[in-house]
C-alpha atoms as a PDB file:
ATOM      1  CA  UNK A   1      80.664 165.289  69.603  1.00  0.00           C
ATOM      2  CA  UNK A   2      79.062 168.615  68.645  1.00  0.00           C
ATOM      3  CA  UNK A   3      78.950 170.100  65.187  1.00  0.00           C
ATOM      4  CA  UNK A   4      81.404 172.746  66.389  1.00  0.00           C
ATOM      5  CA  UNK A   5      84.031 170.253  67.583  1.00  0.00           C
ATOM      6  CA  UNK A   6      86.560 171.261  64.935  1.00  0.00           C
ATOM      7  CA  UNK A   7      86.419 174.840  66.205  1.00  0.00           C
ATOM      8  CA  UNK A   8      87.522 173.768  69.662  1.00  0.00           C
ATOM      9  CA  UNK A   9      90.481 171.596  68.720  1.00  0.00           C
ATOM     10  CA  UNK A  10      92.909 174.500  68.628  1.00  0.00           C
ATOM     11  CA  UNK A  11      91.125 177.550  69.985  1.00  0.00           C
ATOM     12  CA  UNK A  12      94.139 179.839  69.818  1.00  0.00           C
ATOM     13  CA  UNK A  13      94.646 179.132  66.119  1.00  0.00           C
ATOM     14  CA  UNK A  14      91.133 180.116  65.034  1.00  0.00           C
ATOM     15  CA  UNK A  15      90.078 182.820  67.464  1.00  0.00           C
ATOM     16  CA  UNK A  16      93.371 184.154  68.872  1.00  0.00           C
ATOM     17  CA  UNK A  17      91.898 183.157  72.222  1.00  0.00           C
ATOM     18  CA  UNK A  18      89.047 181.096  73.587  1.00  0.00           C
ATOM     19  CA  UNK A  19      85.440 181.621  72.494  1.00  0.00           C
ATOM     20  CA  UNK A  20      84.786 183.120  75.920  1.00  0.00           C
ATOM     21  CA  UNK A  21      87.601 185.669  75.652  1.00  0.00           C
ATOM     22  CA  UNK A  22      86.598 186.591  72.105  1.00  0.00           C
ATOM     23  CA  UNK A  23      82.979 187.122  73.225  1.00  0.00           C
ATOM     24  CA  UNK A  24      84.218 189.442  75.972  1.00  0.00           C
ATOM     25  CA  UNK A  25      86.171 191.421  73.371  1.00  0.00           C
ATOM     26  CA  UNK A  26      83.038 191.713  71.227  1.00  0.00           C
ATOM     27  CA  UNK A  27      80.853 192.723  74.187  1.00  0.00           C
ATOM     28  CA  UNK A  28      83.204 195.503  75.221  1.00  0.00           C
ATOM     29  CA  UNK A  29      83.792 196.819  71.703  1.00  0.00           C
ATOM     30  CA  UNK A  30      80.443 196.417  69.913  1.00  0.00           C
ATOM     31  CA  UNK A  31      77.551 198.852  69.866  1.00  0.00           C
ATOM     32  CA  UNK A  32      76.261 199.095  73.442  1.00  0.00           C
ATOM     33  CA  UNK A  33      72.572 199.008  72.433  1.00  0.00           C
ATOM     34  CA  UNK A  34      73.050 195.806  70.424  1.00  0.00           C
ATOM     35  CA  UNK A  35      74.973 194.137  73.243  1.00  0.00           C
ATOM     36  CA  UNK A  36      72.321 195.088  75.797  1.00  0.00           C
ATOM     37  CA  UNK A  37      69.494 193.728  73.629  1.00  0.00           C
ATOM     38  CA  UNK A  38      71.312 190.454  72.935  1.00  0.00           C
ATOM     39  CA  UNK A  39      72.076 189.977  76.640  1.00  0.00           C
ATOM     40  CA  UNK A  40      68.399 190.614  77.488  1.00  0.00           C
ATOM     41  CA  UNK A  41      67.397 188.071  74.826  1.00  0.00           C
ATOM     42  CA  UNK A  42      69.896 185.546  76.220  1.00  0.00           C
ATOM     43  CA  UNK A  43      68.725 186.000  79.834  1.00  0.00           C
ATOM     44  CA  UNK A  44      65.064 185.780  78.815  1.00  0.00           C
ATOM     45  CA  UNK A  45      65.748 182.528  76.953  1.00  0.00           C
ATOM     46  CA  UNK A  46      67.677 181.190  79.946  1.00  0.00           C
ATOM     47  CA  UNK A  47      64.840 182.103  82.322  1.00  0.00           C
ATOM     48  CA  UNK A  48      62.328 180.331  80.097  1.00  0.00           C
ATOM     49  CA  UNK A  49      64.465 177.198  79.959  1.00  0.00           C
ATOM     50  CA  UNK A  50      64.890 177.277  83.740  1.00  0.00           C
ATOM     51  CA  UNK A  51      61.107 177.459  84.195  1.00  0.00           C
ATOM     52  CA  UNK A  52      60.694 174.530  81.801  1.00  0.00           C
ATOM     53  CA  UNK A  53      63.276 172.552  83.748  1.00  0.00           C
ATOM     54  CA  UNK A  54      61.444 173.285  86.996  1.00  0.00           C
ATOM     55  CA  UNK A  55      58.333 171.665  85.518  1.00  0.00           C
ATOM     56  CA  UNK A  56      60.255 168.462  84.811  1.00  0.00           C
ATOM     57  CA  UNK A  57      62.575 168.128  87.804  1.00  0.00           C
ATOM     58  CA  UNK A  58      60.927 170.235  90.483  1.00  0.00           C
ATOM     59  CA  UNK A  59      62.425 173.060  92.489  1.00  0.00           C
ATOM     60  CA  UNK A  60      65.915 171.590  92.937  1.00  0.00           C
ATOM     61  CA  UNK A  61      67.351 172.650  89.584  1.00  0.00           C
ATOM     62  CA  UNK A  62      70.915 172.909  90.891  1.00  0.00           C
ATOM     63  CA  UNK A  63      70.908 169.249  91.932  1.00  0.00           C
ATOM     64  CA  UNK A  64      69.475 168.188  88.560  1.00  0.00           C
ATOM     65  CA  UNK A  65      72.168 170.177  86.750  1.00  0.00           C
ATOM     66  CA  UNK A  66      74.932 168.625  88.858  1.00  0.00           C
ATOM     67  CA  UNK A  67      73.564 165.164  88.187  1.00  0.00           C
ATOM     68  CA  UNK A  68      73.346 165.806  84.451  1.00  0.00           C
ATOM     69  CA  UNK A  69      76.904 167.168  84.352  1.00  0.00           C
ATOM     70  CA  UNK A  70      78.198 164.118  86.199  1.00  0.00           C
ATOM     71  CA  UNK A  71      76.584 161.818  83.626  1.00  0.00           C
ATOM     72  CA  UNK A  72      77.593 163.863  80.568  1.00  0.00           C
ATOM     73  CA  UNK A  73      81.184 164.887  81.230  1.00  0.00           C
ATOM     74  CA  UNK A  74      82.471 167.531  78.847  1.00  0.00           C
ATOM     75  CA  UNK A  75      79.150 168.109  77.098  1.00  0.00           C
ATOM     76  CA  UNK A  76      78.402 171.279  79.056  1.00  0.00           C
ATOM     77  CA  UNK A  77      81.823 172.738  78.226  1.00  0.00           C
ATOM     78  CA  UNK A  78      81.249 172.144  74.515  1.00  0.00           C
ATOM     79  CA  UNK A  79      77.755 173.625  74.721  1.00  0.00           C
ATOM     80  CA  UNK A  80      79.041 176.674  76.617  1.00  0.00           C
ATOM     81  CA  UNK A  81      81.644 177.289  73.908  1.00  0.00           C
ATOM     82  CA  UNK A  82      78.938 176.935  71.289  1.00  0.00           C
ATOM     83  CA  UNK A  83      76.769 179.486  73.128  1.00  0.00           C
ATOM     84  CA  UNK A  84      79.687 181.941  73.368  1.00  0.00           C
ATOM     85  CA  UNK A  85      80.092 181.671  69.599  1.00  0.00           C
ATOM     86  CA  UNK A  86      76.344 181.973  68.980  1.00  0.00           C
ATOM     87  CA  UNK A  87      76.014 185.108  71.121  1.00  0.00           C
ATOM     88  CA  UNK A  88      79.120 186.616  69.546  1.00  0.00           C
ATOM     89  CA  UNK A  89      77.686 185.927  66.084  1.00  0.00           C
ATOM     90  CA  UNK A  90      74.356 187.542  67.002  1.00  0.00           C
ATOM     91  CA  UNK A  91      76.091 190.695  68.181  1.00  0.00           C
ATOM     92  CA  UNK A  92      78.502 190.882  65.255  1.00  0.00           C
ATOM     93  CA  UNK A  93      75.857 190.251  62.610  1.00  0.00           C
ATOM     94  CA  UNK A  94      73.932 193.313  63.837  1.00  0.00           C
ATOM     95  CA  UNK A  95      77.068 195.436  64.098  1.00  0.00           C
ATOM     96  CA  UNK A  96      77.967 195.386  60.421  1.00  0.00           C
END
Protein backbone atom coordinates (compact mmCIF):
# COMPACT_ATOMS: atom_id res chain seq x y z
CA UNK A 1 0.00 0.00 0.00
CA UNK A 2 1.30 3.49 -0.83
CA UNK A 3 2.41 6.09 1.65
CA UNK A 4 -0.69 8.09 0.73
CA UNK A 5 -3.15 5.28 1.50
CA UNK A 6 -4.70 7.09 4.46
CA UNK A 7 -5.58 10.00 2.18
CA UNK A 8 -7.66 7.76 -0.05
CA UNK A 9 -9.71 5.99 2.60
CA UNK A 10 -12.37 8.69 2.71
CA UNK A 11 -11.68 11.11 -0.11
CA UNK A 12 -14.75 13.24 0.48
CA UNK A 13 -13.79 13.86 4.11
CA UNK A 14 -10.32 15.24 3.38
CA UNK A 15 -10.64 16.95 0.01
CA UNK A 16 -14.38 17.63 -0.35
CA UNK A 17 -14.06 15.56 -3.51
CA UNK A 18 -11.60 13.22 -5.15
CA UNK A 19 -7.97 14.18 -5.77
CA UNK A 20 -8.82 14.40 -9.46
CA UNK A 21 -11.72 16.82 -8.94
CA UNK A 22 -9.67 18.94 -6.54
CA UNK A 23 -6.82 19.13 -9.08
CA UNK A 24 -9.30 20.32 -11.71
CA UNK A 25 -10.48 23.04 -9.32
CA UNK A 26 -6.88 24.13 -8.77
CA UNK A 27 -6.08 24.09 -12.50
CA UNK A 28 -9.04 26.28 -13.36
CA UNK A 29 -8.54 28.73 -10.49
CA UNK A 30 -4.75 29.06 -10.11
CA UNK A 31 -2.45 31.42 -11.96
CA UNK A 32 -2.57 30.43 -15.64
CA UNK A 33 1.20 30.78 -16.17
CA UNK A 34 1.97 28.48 -13.24
CA UNK A 35 -0.54 25.88 -14.41
CA UNK A 36 0.84 25.94 -17.95
CA UNK A 37 4.43 25.49 -16.74
CA UNK A 38 3.51 22.62 -14.41
CA UNK A 39 1.56 20.87 -17.17
CA UNK A 40 4.55 21.25 -19.53
CA UNK A 41 6.82 19.82 -16.82
CA UNK A 42 4.41 16.91 -16.27
CA UNK A 43 4.13 16.10 -19.99
CA UNK A 44 7.90 16.34 -20.46
CA UNK A 45 8.44 13.93 -17.57
CA UNK A 46 5.80 11.58 -18.99
CA UNK A 47 7.43 11.67 -22.44
CA UNK A 48 10.81 10.85 -20.93
CA UNK A 49 9.38 7.91 -19.00
CA UNK A 50 7.63 6.66 -22.13
CA UNK A 51 10.92 6.75 -24.05
CA UNK A 52 12.61 4.86 -21.22
CA UNK A 53 9.85 2.26 -21.29
CA UNK A 54 10.26 1.86 -25.04
CA UNK A 55 13.91 0.93 -24.46
CA UNK A 56 12.89 -1.87 -22.10
CA UNK A 57 9.73 -3.28 -23.69
CA UNK A 58 9.97 -2.20 -27.31
CA UNK A 59 7.44 -0.29 -29.35
CA UNK A 60 4.29 -1.91 -27.92
CA UNK A 61 4.00 0.22 -24.79
CA UNK A 62 0.21 -0.07 -24.62
CA UNK A 63 0.41 -3.86 -24.38
CA UNK A 64 3.10 -3.65 -21.68
CA UNK A 65 0.95 -1.21 -19.69
CA UNK A 66 -2.10 -3.47 -19.96
CA UNK A 67 -0.06 -6.44 -18.82
CA UNK A 68 1.37 -4.53 -15.87
CA UNK A 69 -2.09 -3.30 -14.83
CA UNK A 70 -3.46 -6.84 -14.97
CA UNK A 71 -0.70 -8.06 -12.65
CA UNK A 72 -0.86 -5.09 -10.25
CA UNK A 73 -4.56 -4.45 -9.75
CA UNK A 74 -5.31 -1.17 -8.01
CA UNK A 75 -1.72 0.06 -7.97
CA UNK A 76 -2.22 2.36 -10.95
CA UNK A 77 -5.30 3.94 -9.36
CA UNK A 78 -3.36 4.69 -6.18
CA UNK A 79 -0.44 6.09 -8.18
CA UNK A 80 -2.78 8.25 -10.28
CA UNK A 81 -4.30 9.71 -7.11
CA UNK A 82 -0.82 10.36 -5.78
CA UNK A 83 0.12 12.16 -9.02
CA UNK A 84 -3.03 14.31 -8.86
CA UNK A 85 -2.02 15.36 -5.35
CA UNK A 86 1.61 15.95 -6.37
CA UNK A 87 0.66 18.14 -9.33
CA UNK A 88 -1.88 20.03 -7.24
CA UNK A 89 0.79 20.63 -4.58
CA UNK A 90 3.28 21.90 -7.17
CA UNK A 91 0.77 24.40 -8.51
CA UNK A 92 -0.44 25.54 -5.10
CA UNK A 93 3.04 25.94 -3.63
CA UNK A 94 3.90 28.42 -6.40
CA UNK A 95 0.59 30.25 -6.08
CA UNK A 96 1.08 31.46 -2.53
